[in-house]
PDBML (XML) file of the C-alpha atoms, coordinates in Angstrom:
<?xml version="1.0" encoding="UTF-8" ?>
<PDBx:datablock datablockName="MODEL"
   xmlns:PDBx="http://pdbml.pdb.org/schema/pdbx-v50.xsd"
   xmlns:xsi="http://www.w3.org/2001/XMLSchema-instance"
   xsi:schemaLocation="http://pdbml.pdb.org/schema/pdbx-v50.xsd pdbx-v50.xsd">
   <PDBx:atom_siteCategory>
      <PDBx:atom_site id="1">
         <PDBx:B_iso_or_equiv>0.00</PDBx:B_iso_or_equiv>
         <PDBx:Cartn_x>0.000</PDBx:Cartn_x>
         <PDBx:Cartn_y>0.000</PDBx:Cartn_y>
         <PDBx:Cartn_z>0.000</PDBx:Cartn_z>
         <PDBx:auth_asym_id>A</PDBx:auth_asym_id>
         <PDBx:auth_atom_id>CA</PDBx:auth_atom_id>
         <PDBx:auth_comp_id>ASN</PDBx:auth_comp_id>
         <PDBx:auth_seq_id>1</PDBx:auth_seq_id>
         <PDBx:group_PDB>ATOM</PDBx:group_PDB>
         <PDBx:label_alt_id xsi:nil="true" />
         <PDBx:label_asym_id>A</PDBx:label_asym_id>
         <PDBx:label_atom_id>CA</PDBx:label_atom_id>
         <PDBx:label_comp_id>ASN</PDBx:label_comp_id>
         <PDBx:label_entity_id>1</PDBx:label_entity_id>
         <PDBx:label_seq_id>1</PDBx:label_seq_id>
         <PDBx:occupancy>1.00</PDBx:occupancy>
         <PDBx:pdbx_PDB_model_num>1</PDBx:pdbx_PDB_model_num>
         <PDBx:type_symbol>C</PDBx:type_symbol>
      </PDBx:atom_site>
      <PDBx:atom_site id="2">
         <PDBx:B_iso_or_equiv>0.00</PDBx:B_iso_or_equiv>
         <PDBx:Cartn_x>2.945</PDBx:Cartn_x>
         <PDBx:Cartn_y>2.311</PDBx:Cartn_y>
         <PDBx:Cartn_z>0.745</PDBx:Cartn_z>
         <PDBx:auth_asym_id>A</PDBx:auth_asym_id>
         <PDBx:auth_atom_id>CA</PDBx:auth_atom_id>
         <PDBx:auth_comp_id>GLU</PDBx:auth_comp_id>
         <PDBx:auth_seq_id>2</PDBx:auth_seq_id>
         <PDBx:group_PDB>ATOM</PDBx:group_PDB>
         <PDBx:label_alt_id xsi:nil="true" />
         <PDBx:label_asym_id>A</PDBx:label_asym_id>
         <PDBx:label_atom_id>CA</PDBx:label_atom_id>
         <PDBx:label_comp_id>GLU</PDBx:label_comp_id>
         <PDBx:label_entity_id>1</PDBx:label_entity_id>
         <PDBx:label_seq_id>2</PDBx:label_seq_id>
         <PDBx:occupancy>1.00</PDBx:occupancy>
         <PDBx:pdbx_PDB_model_num>1</PDBx:pdbx_PDB_model_num>
         <PDBx:type_symbol>C</PDBx:type_symbol>
      </PDBx:atom_site>
      <PDBx:atom_site id="3">
         <PDBx:B_iso_or_equiv>0.00</PDBx:B_iso_or_equiv>
         <PDBx:Cartn_x>4.824</PDBx:Cartn_x>
         <PDBx:Cartn_y>1.333</PDBx:Cartn_y>
         <PDBx:Cartn_z>-2.450</PDBx:Cartn_z>
         <PDBx:auth_asym_id>A</PDBx:auth_asym_id>
         <PDBx:auth_atom_id>CA</PDBx:auth_atom_id>
         <PDBx:auth_comp_id>ASN</PDBx:auth_comp_id>
         <PDBx:auth_seq_id>3</PDBx:auth_seq_id>
         <PDBx:group_PDB>ATOM</PDBx:group_PDB>
         <PDBx:label_alt_id xsi:nil="true" />
         <PDBx:label_asym_id>A</PDBx:label_asym_id>
         <PDBx:label_atom_id>CA</PDBx:label_atom_id>
         <PDBx:label_comp_id>ASN</PDBx:label_comp_id>
         <PDBx:label_entity_id>1</PDBx:label_entity_id>
         <PDBx:label_seq_id>3</PDBx:label_seq_id>
         <PDBx:occupancy>1.00</PDBx:occupancy>
         <PDBx:pdbx_PDB_model_num>1</PDBx:pdbx_PDB_model_num>
         <PDBx:type_symbol>C</PDBx:type_symbol>
      </PDBx:atom_site>
      <PDBx:atom_site id="4">
         <PDBx:B_iso_or_equiv>0.00</PDBx:B_iso_or_equiv>
         <PDBx:Cartn_x>7.826</PDBx:Cartn_x>
         <PDBx:Cartn_y>0.190</PDBx:Cartn_y>
         <PDBx:Cartn_z>-0.397</PDBx:Cartn_z>
         <PDBx:auth_asym_id>A</PDBx:auth_asym_id>
         <PDBx:auth_atom_id>CA</PDBx:auth_atom_id>
         <PDBx:auth_comp_id>LYS</PDBx:auth_comp_id>
         <PDBx:auth_seq_id>4</PDBx:auth_seq_id>
         <PDBx:group_PDB>ATOM</PDBx:group_PDB>
         <PDBx:label_alt_id xsi:nil="true" />
         <PDBx:label_asym_id>A</PDBx:label_asym_id>
         <PDBx:label_atom_id>CA</PDBx:label_atom_id>
         <PDBx:label_comp_id>LYS</PDBx:label_comp_id>
         <PDBx:label_entity_id>1</PDBx:label_entity_id>
         <PDBx:label_seq_id>4</PDBx:label_seq_id>
         <PDBx:occupancy>1.00</PDBx:occupancy>
         <PDBx:pdbx_PDB_model_num>1</PDBx:pdbx_PDB_model_num>
         <PDBx:type_symbol>C</PDBx:type_symbol>
      </PDBx:atom_site>
      <PDBx:atom_site id="5">
         <PDBx:B_iso_or_equiv>0.00</PDBx:B_iso_or_equiv>
         <PDBx:Cartn_x>9.382</PDBx:Cartn_x>
         <PDBx:Cartn_y>-2.065</PDBx:Cartn_y>
         <PDBx:Cartn_z>-2.992</PDBx:Cartn_z>
         <PDBx:auth_asym_id>A</PDBx:auth_asym_id>
         <PDBx:auth_atom_id>CA</PDBx:auth_atom_id>
         <PDBx:auth_comp_id>PHE</PDBx:auth_comp_id>
         <PDBx:auth_seq_id>5</PDBx:auth_seq_id>
         <PDBx:group_PDB>ATOM</PDBx:group_PDB>
         <PDBx:label_alt_id xsi:nil="true" />
         <PDBx:label_asym_id>A</PDBx:label_asym_id>
         <PDBx:label_atom_id>CA</PDBx:label_atom_id>
         <PDBx:label_comp_id>PHE</PDBx:label_comp_id>
         <PDBx:label_entity_id>1</PDBx:label_entity_id>
         <PDBx:label_seq_id>5</PDBx:label_seq_id>
         <PDBx:occupancy>1.00</PDBx:occupancy>
         <PDBx:pdbx_PDB_model_num>1</PDBx:pdbx_PDB_model_num>
         <PDBx:type_symbol>C</PDBx:type_symbol>
      </PDBx:atom_site>
      <PDBx:atom_site id="6">
         <PDBx:B_iso_or_equiv>0.00</PDBx:B_iso_or_equiv>
         <PDBx:Cartn_x>12.873</PDBx:Cartn_x>
         <PDBx:Cartn_y>-3.507</PDBx:Cartn_y>
         <PDBx:Cartn_z>-3.319</PDBx:Cartn_z>
         <PDBx:auth_asym_id>A</PDBx:auth_asym_id>
         <PDBx:auth_atom_id>CA</PDBx:auth_atom_id>
         <PDBx:auth_comp_id>ALA</PDBx:auth_comp_id>
         <PDBx:auth_seq_id>6</PDBx:auth_seq_id>
         <PDBx:group_PDB>ATOM</PDBx:group_PDB>
         <PDBx:label_alt_id xsi:nil="true" />
         <PDBx:label_asym_id>A</PDBx:label_asym_id>
         <PDBx:label_atom_id>CA</PDBx:label_atom_id>
         <PDBx:label_comp_id>ALA</PDBx:label_comp_id>
         <PDBx:label_entity_id>1</PDBx:label_entity_id>
         <PDBx:label_seq_id>6</PDBx:label_seq_id>
         <PDBx:occupancy>1.00</PDBx:occupancy>
         <PDBx:pdbx_PDB_model_num>1</PDBx:pdbx_PDB_model_num>
         <PDBx:type_symbol>C</PDBx:type_symbol>
      </PDBx:atom_site>
      <PDBx:atom_site id="7">
         <PDBx:B_iso_or_equiv>0.00</PDBx:B_iso_or_equiv>
         <PDBx:Cartn_x>15.046</PDBx:Cartn_x>
         <PDBx:Cartn_y>-3.348</PDBx:Cartn_y>
         <PDBx:Cartn_z>-6.430</PDBx:Cartn_z>
         <PDBx:auth_asym_id>A</PDBx:auth_asym_id>
         <PDBx:auth_atom_id>CA</PDBx:auth_atom_id>
         <PDBx:auth_comp_id>ASP</PDBx:auth_comp_id>
         <PDBx:auth_seq_id>7</PDBx:auth_seq_id>
         <PDBx:group_PDB>ATOM</PDBx:group_PDB>
         <PDBx:label_alt_id xsi:nil="true" />
         <PDBx:label_asym_id>A</PDBx:label_asym_id>
         <PDBx:label_atom_id>CA</PDBx:label_atom_id>
         <PDBx:label_comp_id>ASP</PDBx:label_comp_id>
         <PDBx:label_entity_id>1</PDBx:label_entity_id>
         <PDBx:label_seq_id>7</PDBx:label_seq_id>
         <PDBx:occupancy>1.00</PDBx:occupancy>
         <PDBx:pdbx_PDB_model_num>1</PDBx:pdbx_PDB_model_num>
         <PDBx:type_symbol>C</PDBx:type_symbol>
      </PDBx:atom_site>
      <PDBx:atom_site id="8">
         <PDBx:B_iso_or_equiv>0.00</PDBx:B_iso_or_equiv>
         <PDBx:Cartn_x>14.677</PDBx:Cartn_x>
         <PDBx:Cartn_y>-6.729</PDBx:Cartn_y>
         <PDBx:Cartn_z>-8.129</PDBx:Cartn_z>
         <PDBx:auth_asym_id>A</PDBx:auth_asym_id>
         <PDBx:auth_atom_id>CA</PDBx:auth_atom_id>
         <PDBx:auth_comp_id>VAL</PDBx:auth_comp_id>
         <PDBx:auth_seq_id>8</PDBx:auth_seq_id>
         <PDBx:group_PDB>ATOM</PDBx:group_PDB>
         <PDBx:label_alt_id xsi:nil="true" />
         <PDBx:label_asym_id>A</PDBx:label_asym_id>
         <PDBx:label_atom_id>CA</PDBx:label_atom_id>
         <PDBx:label_comp_id>VAL</PDBx:label_comp_id>
         <PDBx:label_entity_id>1</PDBx:label_entity_id>
         <PDBx:label_seq_id>8</PDBx:label_seq_id>
         <PDBx:occupancy>1.00</PDBx:occupancy>
         <PDBx:pdbx_PDB_model_num>1</PDBx:pdbx_PDB_model_num>
         <PDBx:type_symbol>C</PDBx:type_symbol>
      </PDBx:atom_site>
      <PDBx:atom_site id="9">
         <PDBx:B_iso_or_equiv>0.00</PDBx:B_iso_or_equiv>
         <PDBx:Cartn_x>18.150</PDBx:Cartn_x>
         <PDBx:Cartn_y>-6.532</PDBx:Cartn_y>
         <PDBx:Cartn_z>-9.644</PDBx:Cartn_z>
         <PDBx:auth_asym_id>A</PDBx:auth_asym_id>
         <PDBx:auth_atom_id>CA</PDBx:auth_atom_id>
         <PDBx:auth_comp_id>ALA</PDBx:auth_comp_id>
         <PDBx:auth_seq_id>9</PDBx:auth_seq_id>
         <PDBx:group_PDB>ATOM</PDBx:group_PDB>
         <PDBx:label_alt_id xsi:nil="true" />
         <PDBx:label_asym_id>A</PDBx:label_asym_id>
         <PDBx:label_atom_id>CA</PDBx:label_atom_id>
         <PDBx:label_comp_id>ALA</PDBx:label_comp_id>
         <PDBx:label_entity_id>1</PDBx:label_entity_id>
         <PDBx:label_seq_id>9</PDBx:label_seq_id>
         <PDBx:occupancy>1.00</PDBx:occupancy>
         <PDBx:pdbx_PDB_model_num>1</PDBx:pdbx_PDB_model_num>
         <PDBx:type_symbol>C</PDBx:type_symbol>
      </PDBx:atom_site>
      <PDBx:atom_site id="10">
         <PDBx:B_iso_or_equiv>0.00</PDBx:B_iso_or_equiv>
         <PDBx:Cartn_x>20.085</PDBx:Cartn_x>
         <PDBx:Cartn_y>-5.372</PDBx:Cartn_y>
         <PDBx:Cartn_z>-6.597</PDBx:Cartn_z>
         <PDBx:auth_asym_id>A</PDBx:auth_asym_id>
         <PDBx:auth_atom_id>CA</PDBx:auth_atom_id>
         <PDBx:auth_comp_id>TYR</PDBx:auth_comp_id>
         <PDBx:auth_seq_id>10</PDBx:auth_seq_id>
         <PDBx:group_PDB>ATOM</PDBx:group_PDB>
         <PDBx:label_alt_id xsi:nil="true" />
         <PDBx:label_asym_id>A</PDBx:label_asym_id>
         <PDBx:label_atom_id>CA</PDBx:label_atom_id>
         <PDBx:label_comp_id>TYR</PDBx:label_comp_id>
         <PDBx:label_entity_id>1</PDBx:label_entity_id>
         <PDBx:label_seq_id>10</PDBx:label_seq_id>
         <PDBx:occupancy>1.00</PDBx:occupancy>
         <PDBx:pdbx_PDB_model_num>1</PDBx:pdbx_PDB_model_num>
         <PDBx:type_symbol>C</PDBx:type_symbol>
      </PDBx:atom_site>
      <PDBx:atom_site id="11">
         <PDBx:B_iso_or_equiv>0.00</PDBx:B_iso_or_equiv>
         <PDBx:Cartn_x>18.230</PDBx:Cartn_x>
         <PDBx:Cartn_y>-6.744</PDBx:Cartn_y>
         <PDBx:Cartn_z>-3.560</PDBx:Cartn_z>
         <PDBx:auth_asym_id>A</PDBx:auth_asym_id>
         <PDBx:auth_atom_id>CA</PDBx:auth_atom_id>
         <PDBx:auth_comp_id>ALA</PDBx:auth_comp_id>
         <PDBx:auth_seq_id>11</PDBx:auth_seq_id>
         <PDBx:group_PDB>ATOM</PDBx:group_PDB>
         <PDBx:label_alt_id xsi:nil="true" />
         <PDBx:label_asym_id>A</PDBx:label_asym_id>
         <PDBx:label_atom_id>CA</PDBx:label_atom_id>
         <PDBx:label_comp_id>ALA</PDBx:label_comp_id>
         <PDBx:label_entity_id>1</PDBx:label_entity_id>
         <PDBx:label_seq_id>11</PDBx:label_seq_id>
         <PDBx:occupancy>1.00</PDBx:occupancy>
         <PDBx:pdbx_PDB_model_num>1</PDBx:pdbx_PDB_model_num>
         <PDBx:type_symbol>C</PDBx:type_symbol>
      </PDBx:atom_site>
      <PDBx:atom_site id="12">
         <PDBx:B_iso_or_equiv>0.00</PDBx:B_iso_or_equiv>
         <PDBx:Cartn_x>20.495</PDBx:Cartn_x>
         <PDBx:Cartn_y>-8.844</PDBx:Cartn_y>
         <PDBx:Cartn_z>-1.326</PDBx:Cartn_z>
         <PDBx:auth_asym_id>A</PDBx:auth_asym_id>
         <PDBx:auth_atom_id>CA</PDBx:auth_atom_id>
         <PDBx:auth_comp_id>THR</PDBx:auth_comp_id>
         <PDBx:auth_seq_id>12</PDBx:auth_seq_id>
         <PDBx:group_PDB>ATOM</PDBx:group_PDB>
         <PDBx:label_alt_id xsi:nil="true" />
         <PDBx:label_asym_id>A</PDBx:label_asym_id>
         <PDBx:label_atom_id>CA</PDBx:label_atom_id>
         <PDBx:label_comp_id>THR</PDBx:label_comp_id>
         <PDBx:label_entity_id>1</PDBx:label_entity_id>
         <PDBx:label_seq_id>12</PDBx:label_seq_id>
         <PDBx:occupancy>1.00</PDBx:occupancy>
         <PDBx:pdbx_PDB_model_num>1</PDBx:pdbx_PDB_model_num>
         <PDBx:type_symbol>C</PDBx:type_symbol>
      </PDBx:atom_site>
      <PDBx:atom_site id="13">
         <PDBx:B_iso_or_equiv>0.00</PDBx:B_iso_or_equiv>
         <PDBx:Cartn_x>19.900</PDBx:Cartn_x>
         <PDBx:Cartn_y>-10.810</PDBx:Cartn_y>
         <PDBx:Cartn_z>1.894</PDBx:Cartn_z>
         <PDBx:auth_asym_id>A</PDBx:auth_asym_id>
         <PDBx:auth_atom_id>CA</PDBx:auth_atom_id>
         <PDBx:auth_comp_id>PRO</PDBx:auth_comp_id>
         <PDBx:auth_seq_id>13</PDBx:auth_seq_id>
         <PDBx:group_PDB>ATOM</PDBx:group_PDB>
         <PDBx:label_alt_id xsi:nil="true" />
         <PDBx:label_asym_id>A</PDBx:label_asym_id>
         <PDBx:label_atom_id>CA</PDBx:label_atom_id>
         <PDBx:label_comp_id>PRO</PDBx:label_comp_id>
         <PDBx:label_entity_id>1</PDBx:label_entity_id>
         <PDBx:label_seq_id>13</PDBx:label_seq_id>
         <PDBx:occupancy>1.00</PDBx:occupancy>
         <PDBx:pdbx_PDB_model_num>1</PDBx:pdbx_PDB_model_num>
         <PDBx:type_symbol>C</PDBx:type_symbol>
      </PDBx:atom_site>
      <PDBx:atom_site id="14">
         <PDBx:B_iso_or_equiv>0.00</PDBx:B_iso_or_equiv>
         <PDBx:Cartn_x>20.287</PDBx:Cartn_x>
         <PDBx:Cartn_y>-8.899</PDBx:Cartn_y>
         <PDBx:Cartn_z>5.152</PDBx:Cartn_z>
         <PDBx:auth_asym_id>A</PDBx:auth_asym_id>
         <PDBx:auth_atom_id>CA</PDBx:auth_atom_id>
         <PDBx:auth_comp_id>PHE</PDBx:auth_comp_id>
         <PDBx:auth_seq_id>14</PDBx:auth_seq_id>
         <PDBx:group_PDB>ATOM</PDBx:group_PDB>
         <PDBx:label_alt_id xsi:nil="true" />
         <PDBx:label_asym_id>A</PDBx:label_asym_id>
         <PDBx:label_atom_id>CA</PDBx:label_atom_id>
         <PDBx:label_comp_id>PHE</PDBx:label_comp_id>
         <PDBx:label_entity_id>1</PDBx:label_entity_id>
         <PDBx:label_seq_id>14</PDBx:label_seq_id>
         <PDBx:occupancy>1.00</PDBx:occupancy>
         <PDBx:pdbx_PDB_model_num>1</PDBx:pdbx_PDB_model_num>
         <PDBx:type_symbol>C</PDBx:type_symbol>
      </PDBx:atom_site>
      <PDBx:atom_site id="15">
         <PDBx:B_iso_or_equiv>0.00</PDBx:B_iso_or_equiv>
         <PDBx:Cartn_x>22.802</PDBx:Cartn_x>
         <PDBx:Cartn_y>-11.145</PDBx:Cartn_y>
         <PDBx:Cartn_z>6.885</PDBx:Cartn_z>
         <PDBx:auth_asym_id>A</PDBx:auth_asym_id>
         <PDBx:auth_atom_id>CA</PDBx:auth_atom_id>
         <PDBx:auth_comp_id>TYR</PDBx:auth_comp_id>
         <PDBx:auth_seq_id>15</PDBx:auth_seq_id>
         <PDBx:group_PDB>ATOM</PDBx:group_PDB>
         <PDBx:label_alt_id xsi:nil="true" />
         <PDBx:label_asym_id>A</PDBx:label_asym_id>
         <PDBx:label_atom_id>CA</PDBx:label_atom_id>
         <PDBx:label_comp_id>TYR</PDBx:label_comp_id>
         <PDBx:label_entity_id>1</PDBx:label_entity_id>
         <PDBx:label_seq_id>15</PDBx:label_seq_id>
         <PDBx:occupancy>1.00</PDBx:occupancy>
         <PDBx:pdbx_PDB_model_num>1</PDBx:pdbx_PDB_model_num>
         <PDBx:type_symbol>C</PDBx:type_symbol>
      </PDBx:atom_site>
      <PDBx:atom_site id="16">
         <PDBx:B_iso_or_equiv>0.00</PDBx:B_iso_or_equiv>
         <PDBx:Cartn_x>23.921</PDBx:Cartn_x>
         <PDBx:Cartn_y>-8.697</PDBx:Cartn_y>
         <PDBx:Cartn_z>9.620</PDBx:Cartn_z>
         <PDBx:auth_asym_id>A</PDBx:auth_asym_id>
         <PDBx:auth_atom_id>CA</PDBx:auth_atom_id>
         <PDBx:auth_comp_id>LEU</PDBx:auth_comp_id>
         <PDBx:auth_seq_id>16</PDBx:auth_seq_id>
         <PDBx:group_PDB>ATOM</PDBx:group_PDB>
         <PDBx:label_alt_id xsi:nil="true" />
         <PDBx:label_asym_id>A</PDBx:label_asym_id>
         <PDBx:label_atom_id>CA</PDBx:label_atom_id>
         <PDBx:label_comp_id>LEU</PDBx:label_comp_id>
         <PDBx:label_entity_id>1</PDBx:label_entity_id>
         <PDBx:label_seq_id>16</PDBx:label_seq_id>
         <PDBx:occupancy>1.00</PDBx:occupancy>
         <PDBx:pdbx_PDB_model_num>1</PDBx:pdbx_PDB_model_num>
         <PDBx:type_symbol>C</PDBx:type_symbol>
      </PDBx:atom_site>
      <PDBx:atom_site id="17">
         <PDBx:B_iso_or_equiv>0.00</PDBx:B_iso_or_equiv>
         <PDBx:Cartn_x>27.240</PDBx:Cartn_x>
         <PDBx:Cartn_y>-10.584</PDBx:Cartn_y>
         <PDBx:Cartn_z>9.718</PDBx:Cartn_z>
         <PDBx:auth_asym_id>A</PDBx:auth_asym_id>
         <PDBx:auth_atom_id>CA</PDBx:auth_atom_id>
         <PDBx:auth_comp_id>LYS</PDBx:auth_comp_id>
         <PDBx:auth_seq_id>17</PDBx:auth_seq_id>
         <PDBx:group_PDB>ATOM</PDBx:group_PDB>
         <PDBx:label_alt_id xsi:nil="true" />
         <PDBx:label_asym_id>A</PDBx:label_asym_id>
         <PDBx:label_atom_id>CA</PDBx:label_atom_id>
         <PDBx:label_comp_id>LYS</PDBx:label_comp_id>
         <PDBx:label_entity_id>1</PDBx:label_entity_id>
         <PDBx:label_seq_id>17</PDBx:label_seq_id>
         <PDBx:occupancy>1.00</PDBx:occupancy>
         <PDBx:pdbx_PDB_model_num>1</PDBx:pdbx_PDB_model_num>
         <PDBx:type_symbol>C</PDBx:type_symbol>
      </PDBx:atom_site>
      <PDBx:atom_site id="18">
         <PDBx:B_iso_or_equiv>0.00</PDBx:B_iso_or_equiv>
         <PDBx:Cartn_x>29.528</PDBx:Cartn_x>
         <PDBx:Cartn_y>-11.935</PDBx:Cartn_y>
         <PDBx:Cartn_z>7.035</PDBx:Cartn_z>
         <PDBx:auth_asym_id>A</PDBx:auth_asym_id>
         <PDBx:auth_atom_id>CA</PDBx:auth_atom_id>
         <PDBx:auth_comp_id>ASP</PDBx:auth_comp_id>
         <PDBx:auth_seq_id>18</PDBx:auth_seq_id>
         <PDBx:group_PDB>ATOM</PDBx:group_PDB>
         <PDBx:label_alt_id xsi:nil="true" />
         <PDBx:label_asym_id>A</PDBx:label_asym_id>
         <PDBx:label_atom_id>CA</PDBx:label_atom_id>
         <PDBx:label_comp_id>ASP</PDBx:label_comp_id>
         <PDBx:label_entity_id>1</PDBx:label_entity_id>
         <PDBx:label_seq_id>18</PDBx:label_seq_id>
         <PDBx:occupancy>1.00</PDBx:occupancy>
         <PDBx:pdbx_PDB_model_num>1</PDBx:pdbx_PDB_model_num>
         <PDBx:type_symbol>C</PDBx:type_symbol>
      </PDBx:atom_site>
      <PDBx:atom_site id="19">
         <PDBx:B_iso_or_equiv>0.00</PDBx:B_iso_or_equiv>
         <PDBx:Cartn_x>29.355</PDBx:Cartn_x>
         <PDBx:Cartn_y>-15.667</PDBx:Cartn_y>
         <PDBx:Cartn_z>6.530</PDBx:Cartn_z>
         <PDBx:auth_asym_id>A</PDBx:auth_asym_id>
         <PDBx:auth_atom_id>CA</PDBx:auth_atom_id>
         <PDBx:auth_comp_id>TYR</PDBx:auth_comp_id>
         <PDBx:auth_seq_id>19</PDBx:auth_seq_id>
         <PDBx:group_PDB>ATOM</PDBx:group_PDB>
         <PDBx:label_alt_id xsi:nil="true" />
         <PDBx:label_asym_id>A</PDBx:label_asym_id>
         <PDBx:label_atom_id>CA</PDBx:label_atom_id>
         <PDBx:label_comp_id>TYR</PDBx:label_comp_id>
         <PDBx:label_entity_id>1</PDBx:label_entity_id>
         <PDBx:label_seq_id>19</PDBx:label_seq_id>
         <PDBx:occupancy>1.00</PDBx:occupancy>
         <PDBx:pdbx_PDB_model_num>1</PDBx:pdbx_PDB_model_num>
         <PDBx:type_symbol>C</PDBx:type_symbol>
      </PDBx:atom_site>
      <PDBx:atom_site id="20">
         <PDBx:B_iso_or_equiv>0.00</PDBx:B_iso_or_equiv>
         <PDBx:Cartn_x>32.228</PDBx:Cartn_x>
         <PDBx:Cartn_y>-17.531</PDBx:Cartn_y>
         <PDBx:Cartn_z>8.151</PDBx:Cartn_z>
         <PDBx:auth_asym_id>A</PDBx:auth_asym_id>
         <PDBx:auth_atom_id>CA</PDBx:auth_atom_id>
         <PDBx:auth_comp_id>GLN</PDBx:auth_comp_id>
         <PDBx:auth_seq_id>20</PDBx:auth_seq_id>
         <PDBx:group_PDB>ATOM</PDBx:group_PDB>
         <PDBx:label_alt_id xsi:nil="true" />
         <PDBx:label_asym_id>A</PDBx:label_asym_id>
         <PDBx:label_atom_id>CA</PDBx:label_atom_id>
         <PDBx:label_comp_id>GLN</PDBx:label_comp_id>
         <PDBx:label_entity_id>1</PDBx:label_entity_id>
         <PDBx:label_seq_id>20</PDBx:label_seq_id>
         <PDBx:occupancy>1.00</PDBx:occupancy>
         <PDBx:pdbx_PDB_model_num>1</PDBx:pdbx_PDB_model_num>
         <PDBx:type_symbol>C</PDBx:type_symbol>
      </PDBx:atom_site>
      <PDBx:atom_site id="21">
         <PDBx:B_iso_or_equiv>0.00</PDBx:B_iso_or_equiv>
         <PDBx:Cartn_x>32.899</PDBx:Cartn_x>
         <PDBx:Cartn_y>-20.990</PDBx:Cartn_y>
         <PDBx:Cartn_z>6.805</PDBx:Cartn_z>
         <PDBx:auth_asym_id>A</PDBx:auth_asym_id>
         <PDBx:auth_atom_id>CA</PDBx:auth_atom_id>
         <PDBx:auth_comp_id>ALA</PDBx:auth_comp_id>
         <PDBx:auth_seq_id>21</PDBx:auth_seq_id>
         <PDBx:group_PDB>ATOM</PDBx:group_PDB>
         <PDBx:label_alt_id xsi:nil="true" />
         <PDBx:label_asym_id>A</PDBx:label_asym_id>
         <PDBx:label_atom_id>CA</PDBx:label_atom_id>
         <PDBx:label_comp_id>ALA</PDBx:label_comp_id>
         <PDBx:label_entity_id>1</PDBx:label_entity_id>
         <PDBx:label_seq_id>21</PDBx:label_seq_id>
         <PDBx:occupancy>1.00</PDBx:occupancy>
         <PDBx:pdbx_PDB_model_num>1</PDBx:pdbx_PDB_model_num>
         <PDBx:type_symbol>C</PDBx:type_symbol>
      </PDBx:atom_site>
      <PDBx:atom_site id="22">
         <PDBx:B_iso_or_equiv>0.00</PDBx:B_iso_or_equiv>
         <PDBx:Cartn_x>34.277</PDBx:Cartn_x>
         <PDBx:Cartn_y>-23.528</PDBx:Cartn_y>
         <PDBx:Cartn_z>9.259</PDBx:Cartn_z>
         <PDBx:auth_asym_id>A</PDBx:auth_asym_id>
         <PDBx:auth_atom_id>CA</PDBx:auth_atom_id>
         <PDBx:auth_comp_id>THR</PDBx:auth_comp_id>
         <PDBx:auth_seq_id>22</PDBx:auth_seq_id>
         <PDBx:group_PDB>ATOM</PDBx:group_PDB>
         <PDBx:label_alt_id xsi:nil="true" />
         <PDBx:label_asym_id>A</PDBx:label_asym_id>
         <PDBx:label_atom_id>CA</PDBx:label_atom_id>
         <PDBx:label_comp_id>THR</PDBx:label_comp_id>
         <PDBx:label_entity_id>1</PDBx:label_entity_id>
         <PDBx:label_seq_id>22</PDBx:label_seq_id>
         <PDBx:occupancy>1.00</PDBx:occupancy>
         <PDBx:pdbx_PDB_model_num>1</PDBx:pdbx_PDB_model_num>
         <PDBx:type_symbol>C</PDBx:type_symbol>
      </PDBx:atom_site>
      <PDBx:atom_site id="23">
         <PDBx:B_iso_or_equiv>0.00</PDBx:B_iso_or_equiv>
         <PDBx:Cartn_x>36.991</PDBx:Cartn_x>
         <PDBx:Cartn_y>-26.046</PDBx:Cartn_y>
         <PDBx:Cartn_z>8.510</PDBx:Cartn_z>
         <PDBx:auth_asym_id>A</PDBx:auth_asym_id>
         <PDBx:auth_atom_id>CA</PDBx:auth_atom_id>
         <PDBx:auth_comp_id>GLN</PDBx:auth_comp_id>
         <PDBx:auth_seq_id>23</PDBx:auth_seq_id>
         <PDBx:group_PDB>ATOM</PDBx:group_PDB>
         <PDBx:label_alt_id xsi:nil="true" />
         <PDBx:label_asym_id>A</PDBx:label_asym_id>
         <PDBx:label_atom_id>CA</PDBx:label_atom_id>
         <PDBx:label_comp_id>GLN</PDBx:label_comp_id>
         <PDBx:label_entity_id>1</PDBx:label_entity_id>
         <PDBx:label_seq_id>23</PDBx:label_seq_id>
         <PDBx:occupancy>1.00</PDBx:occupancy>
         <PDBx:pdbx_PDB_model_num>1</PDBx:pdbx_PDB_model_num>
         <PDBx:type_symbol>C</PDBx:type_symbol>
      </PDBx:atom_site>
      <PDBx:atom_site id="24">
         <PDBx:B_iso_or_equiv>0.00</PDBx:B_iso_or_equiv>
         <PDBx:Cartn_x>35.535</PDBx:Cartn_x>
         <PDBx:Cartn_y>-29.567</PDBx:Cartn_y>
         <PDBx:Cartn_z>8.542</PDBx:Cartn_z>
         <PDBx:auth_asym_id>A</PDBx:auth_asym_id>
         <PDBx:auth_atom_id>CA</PDBx:auth_atom_id>
         <PDBx:auth_comp_id>PRO</PDBx:auth_comp_id>
         <PDBx:auth_seq_id>24</PDBx:auth_seq_id>
         <PDBx:group_PDB>ATOM</PDBx:group_PDB>
         <PDBx:label_alt_id xsi:nil="true" />
         <PDBx:label_asym_id>A</PDBx:label_asym_id>
         <PDBx:label_atom_id>CA</PDBx:label_atom_id>
         <PDBx:label_comp_id>PRO</PDBx:label_comp_id>
         <PDBx:label_entity_id>1</PDBx:label_entity_id>
         <PDBx:label_seq_id>24</PDBx:label_seq_id>
         <PDBx:occupancy>1.00</PDBx:occupancy>
         <PDBx:pdbx_PDB_model_num>1</PDBx:pdbx_PDB_model_num>
         <PDBx:type_symbol>C</PDBx:type_symbol>
      </PDBx:atom_site>
   </PDBx:atom_siteCategory>
</PDBx:datablock>
């Protein structure tokens, strides 16, 4: 209703923190 839309091309997930892979 408020026309609060995201950009389809540039929308990215809001992770809050960078992903840190762990060594198996």
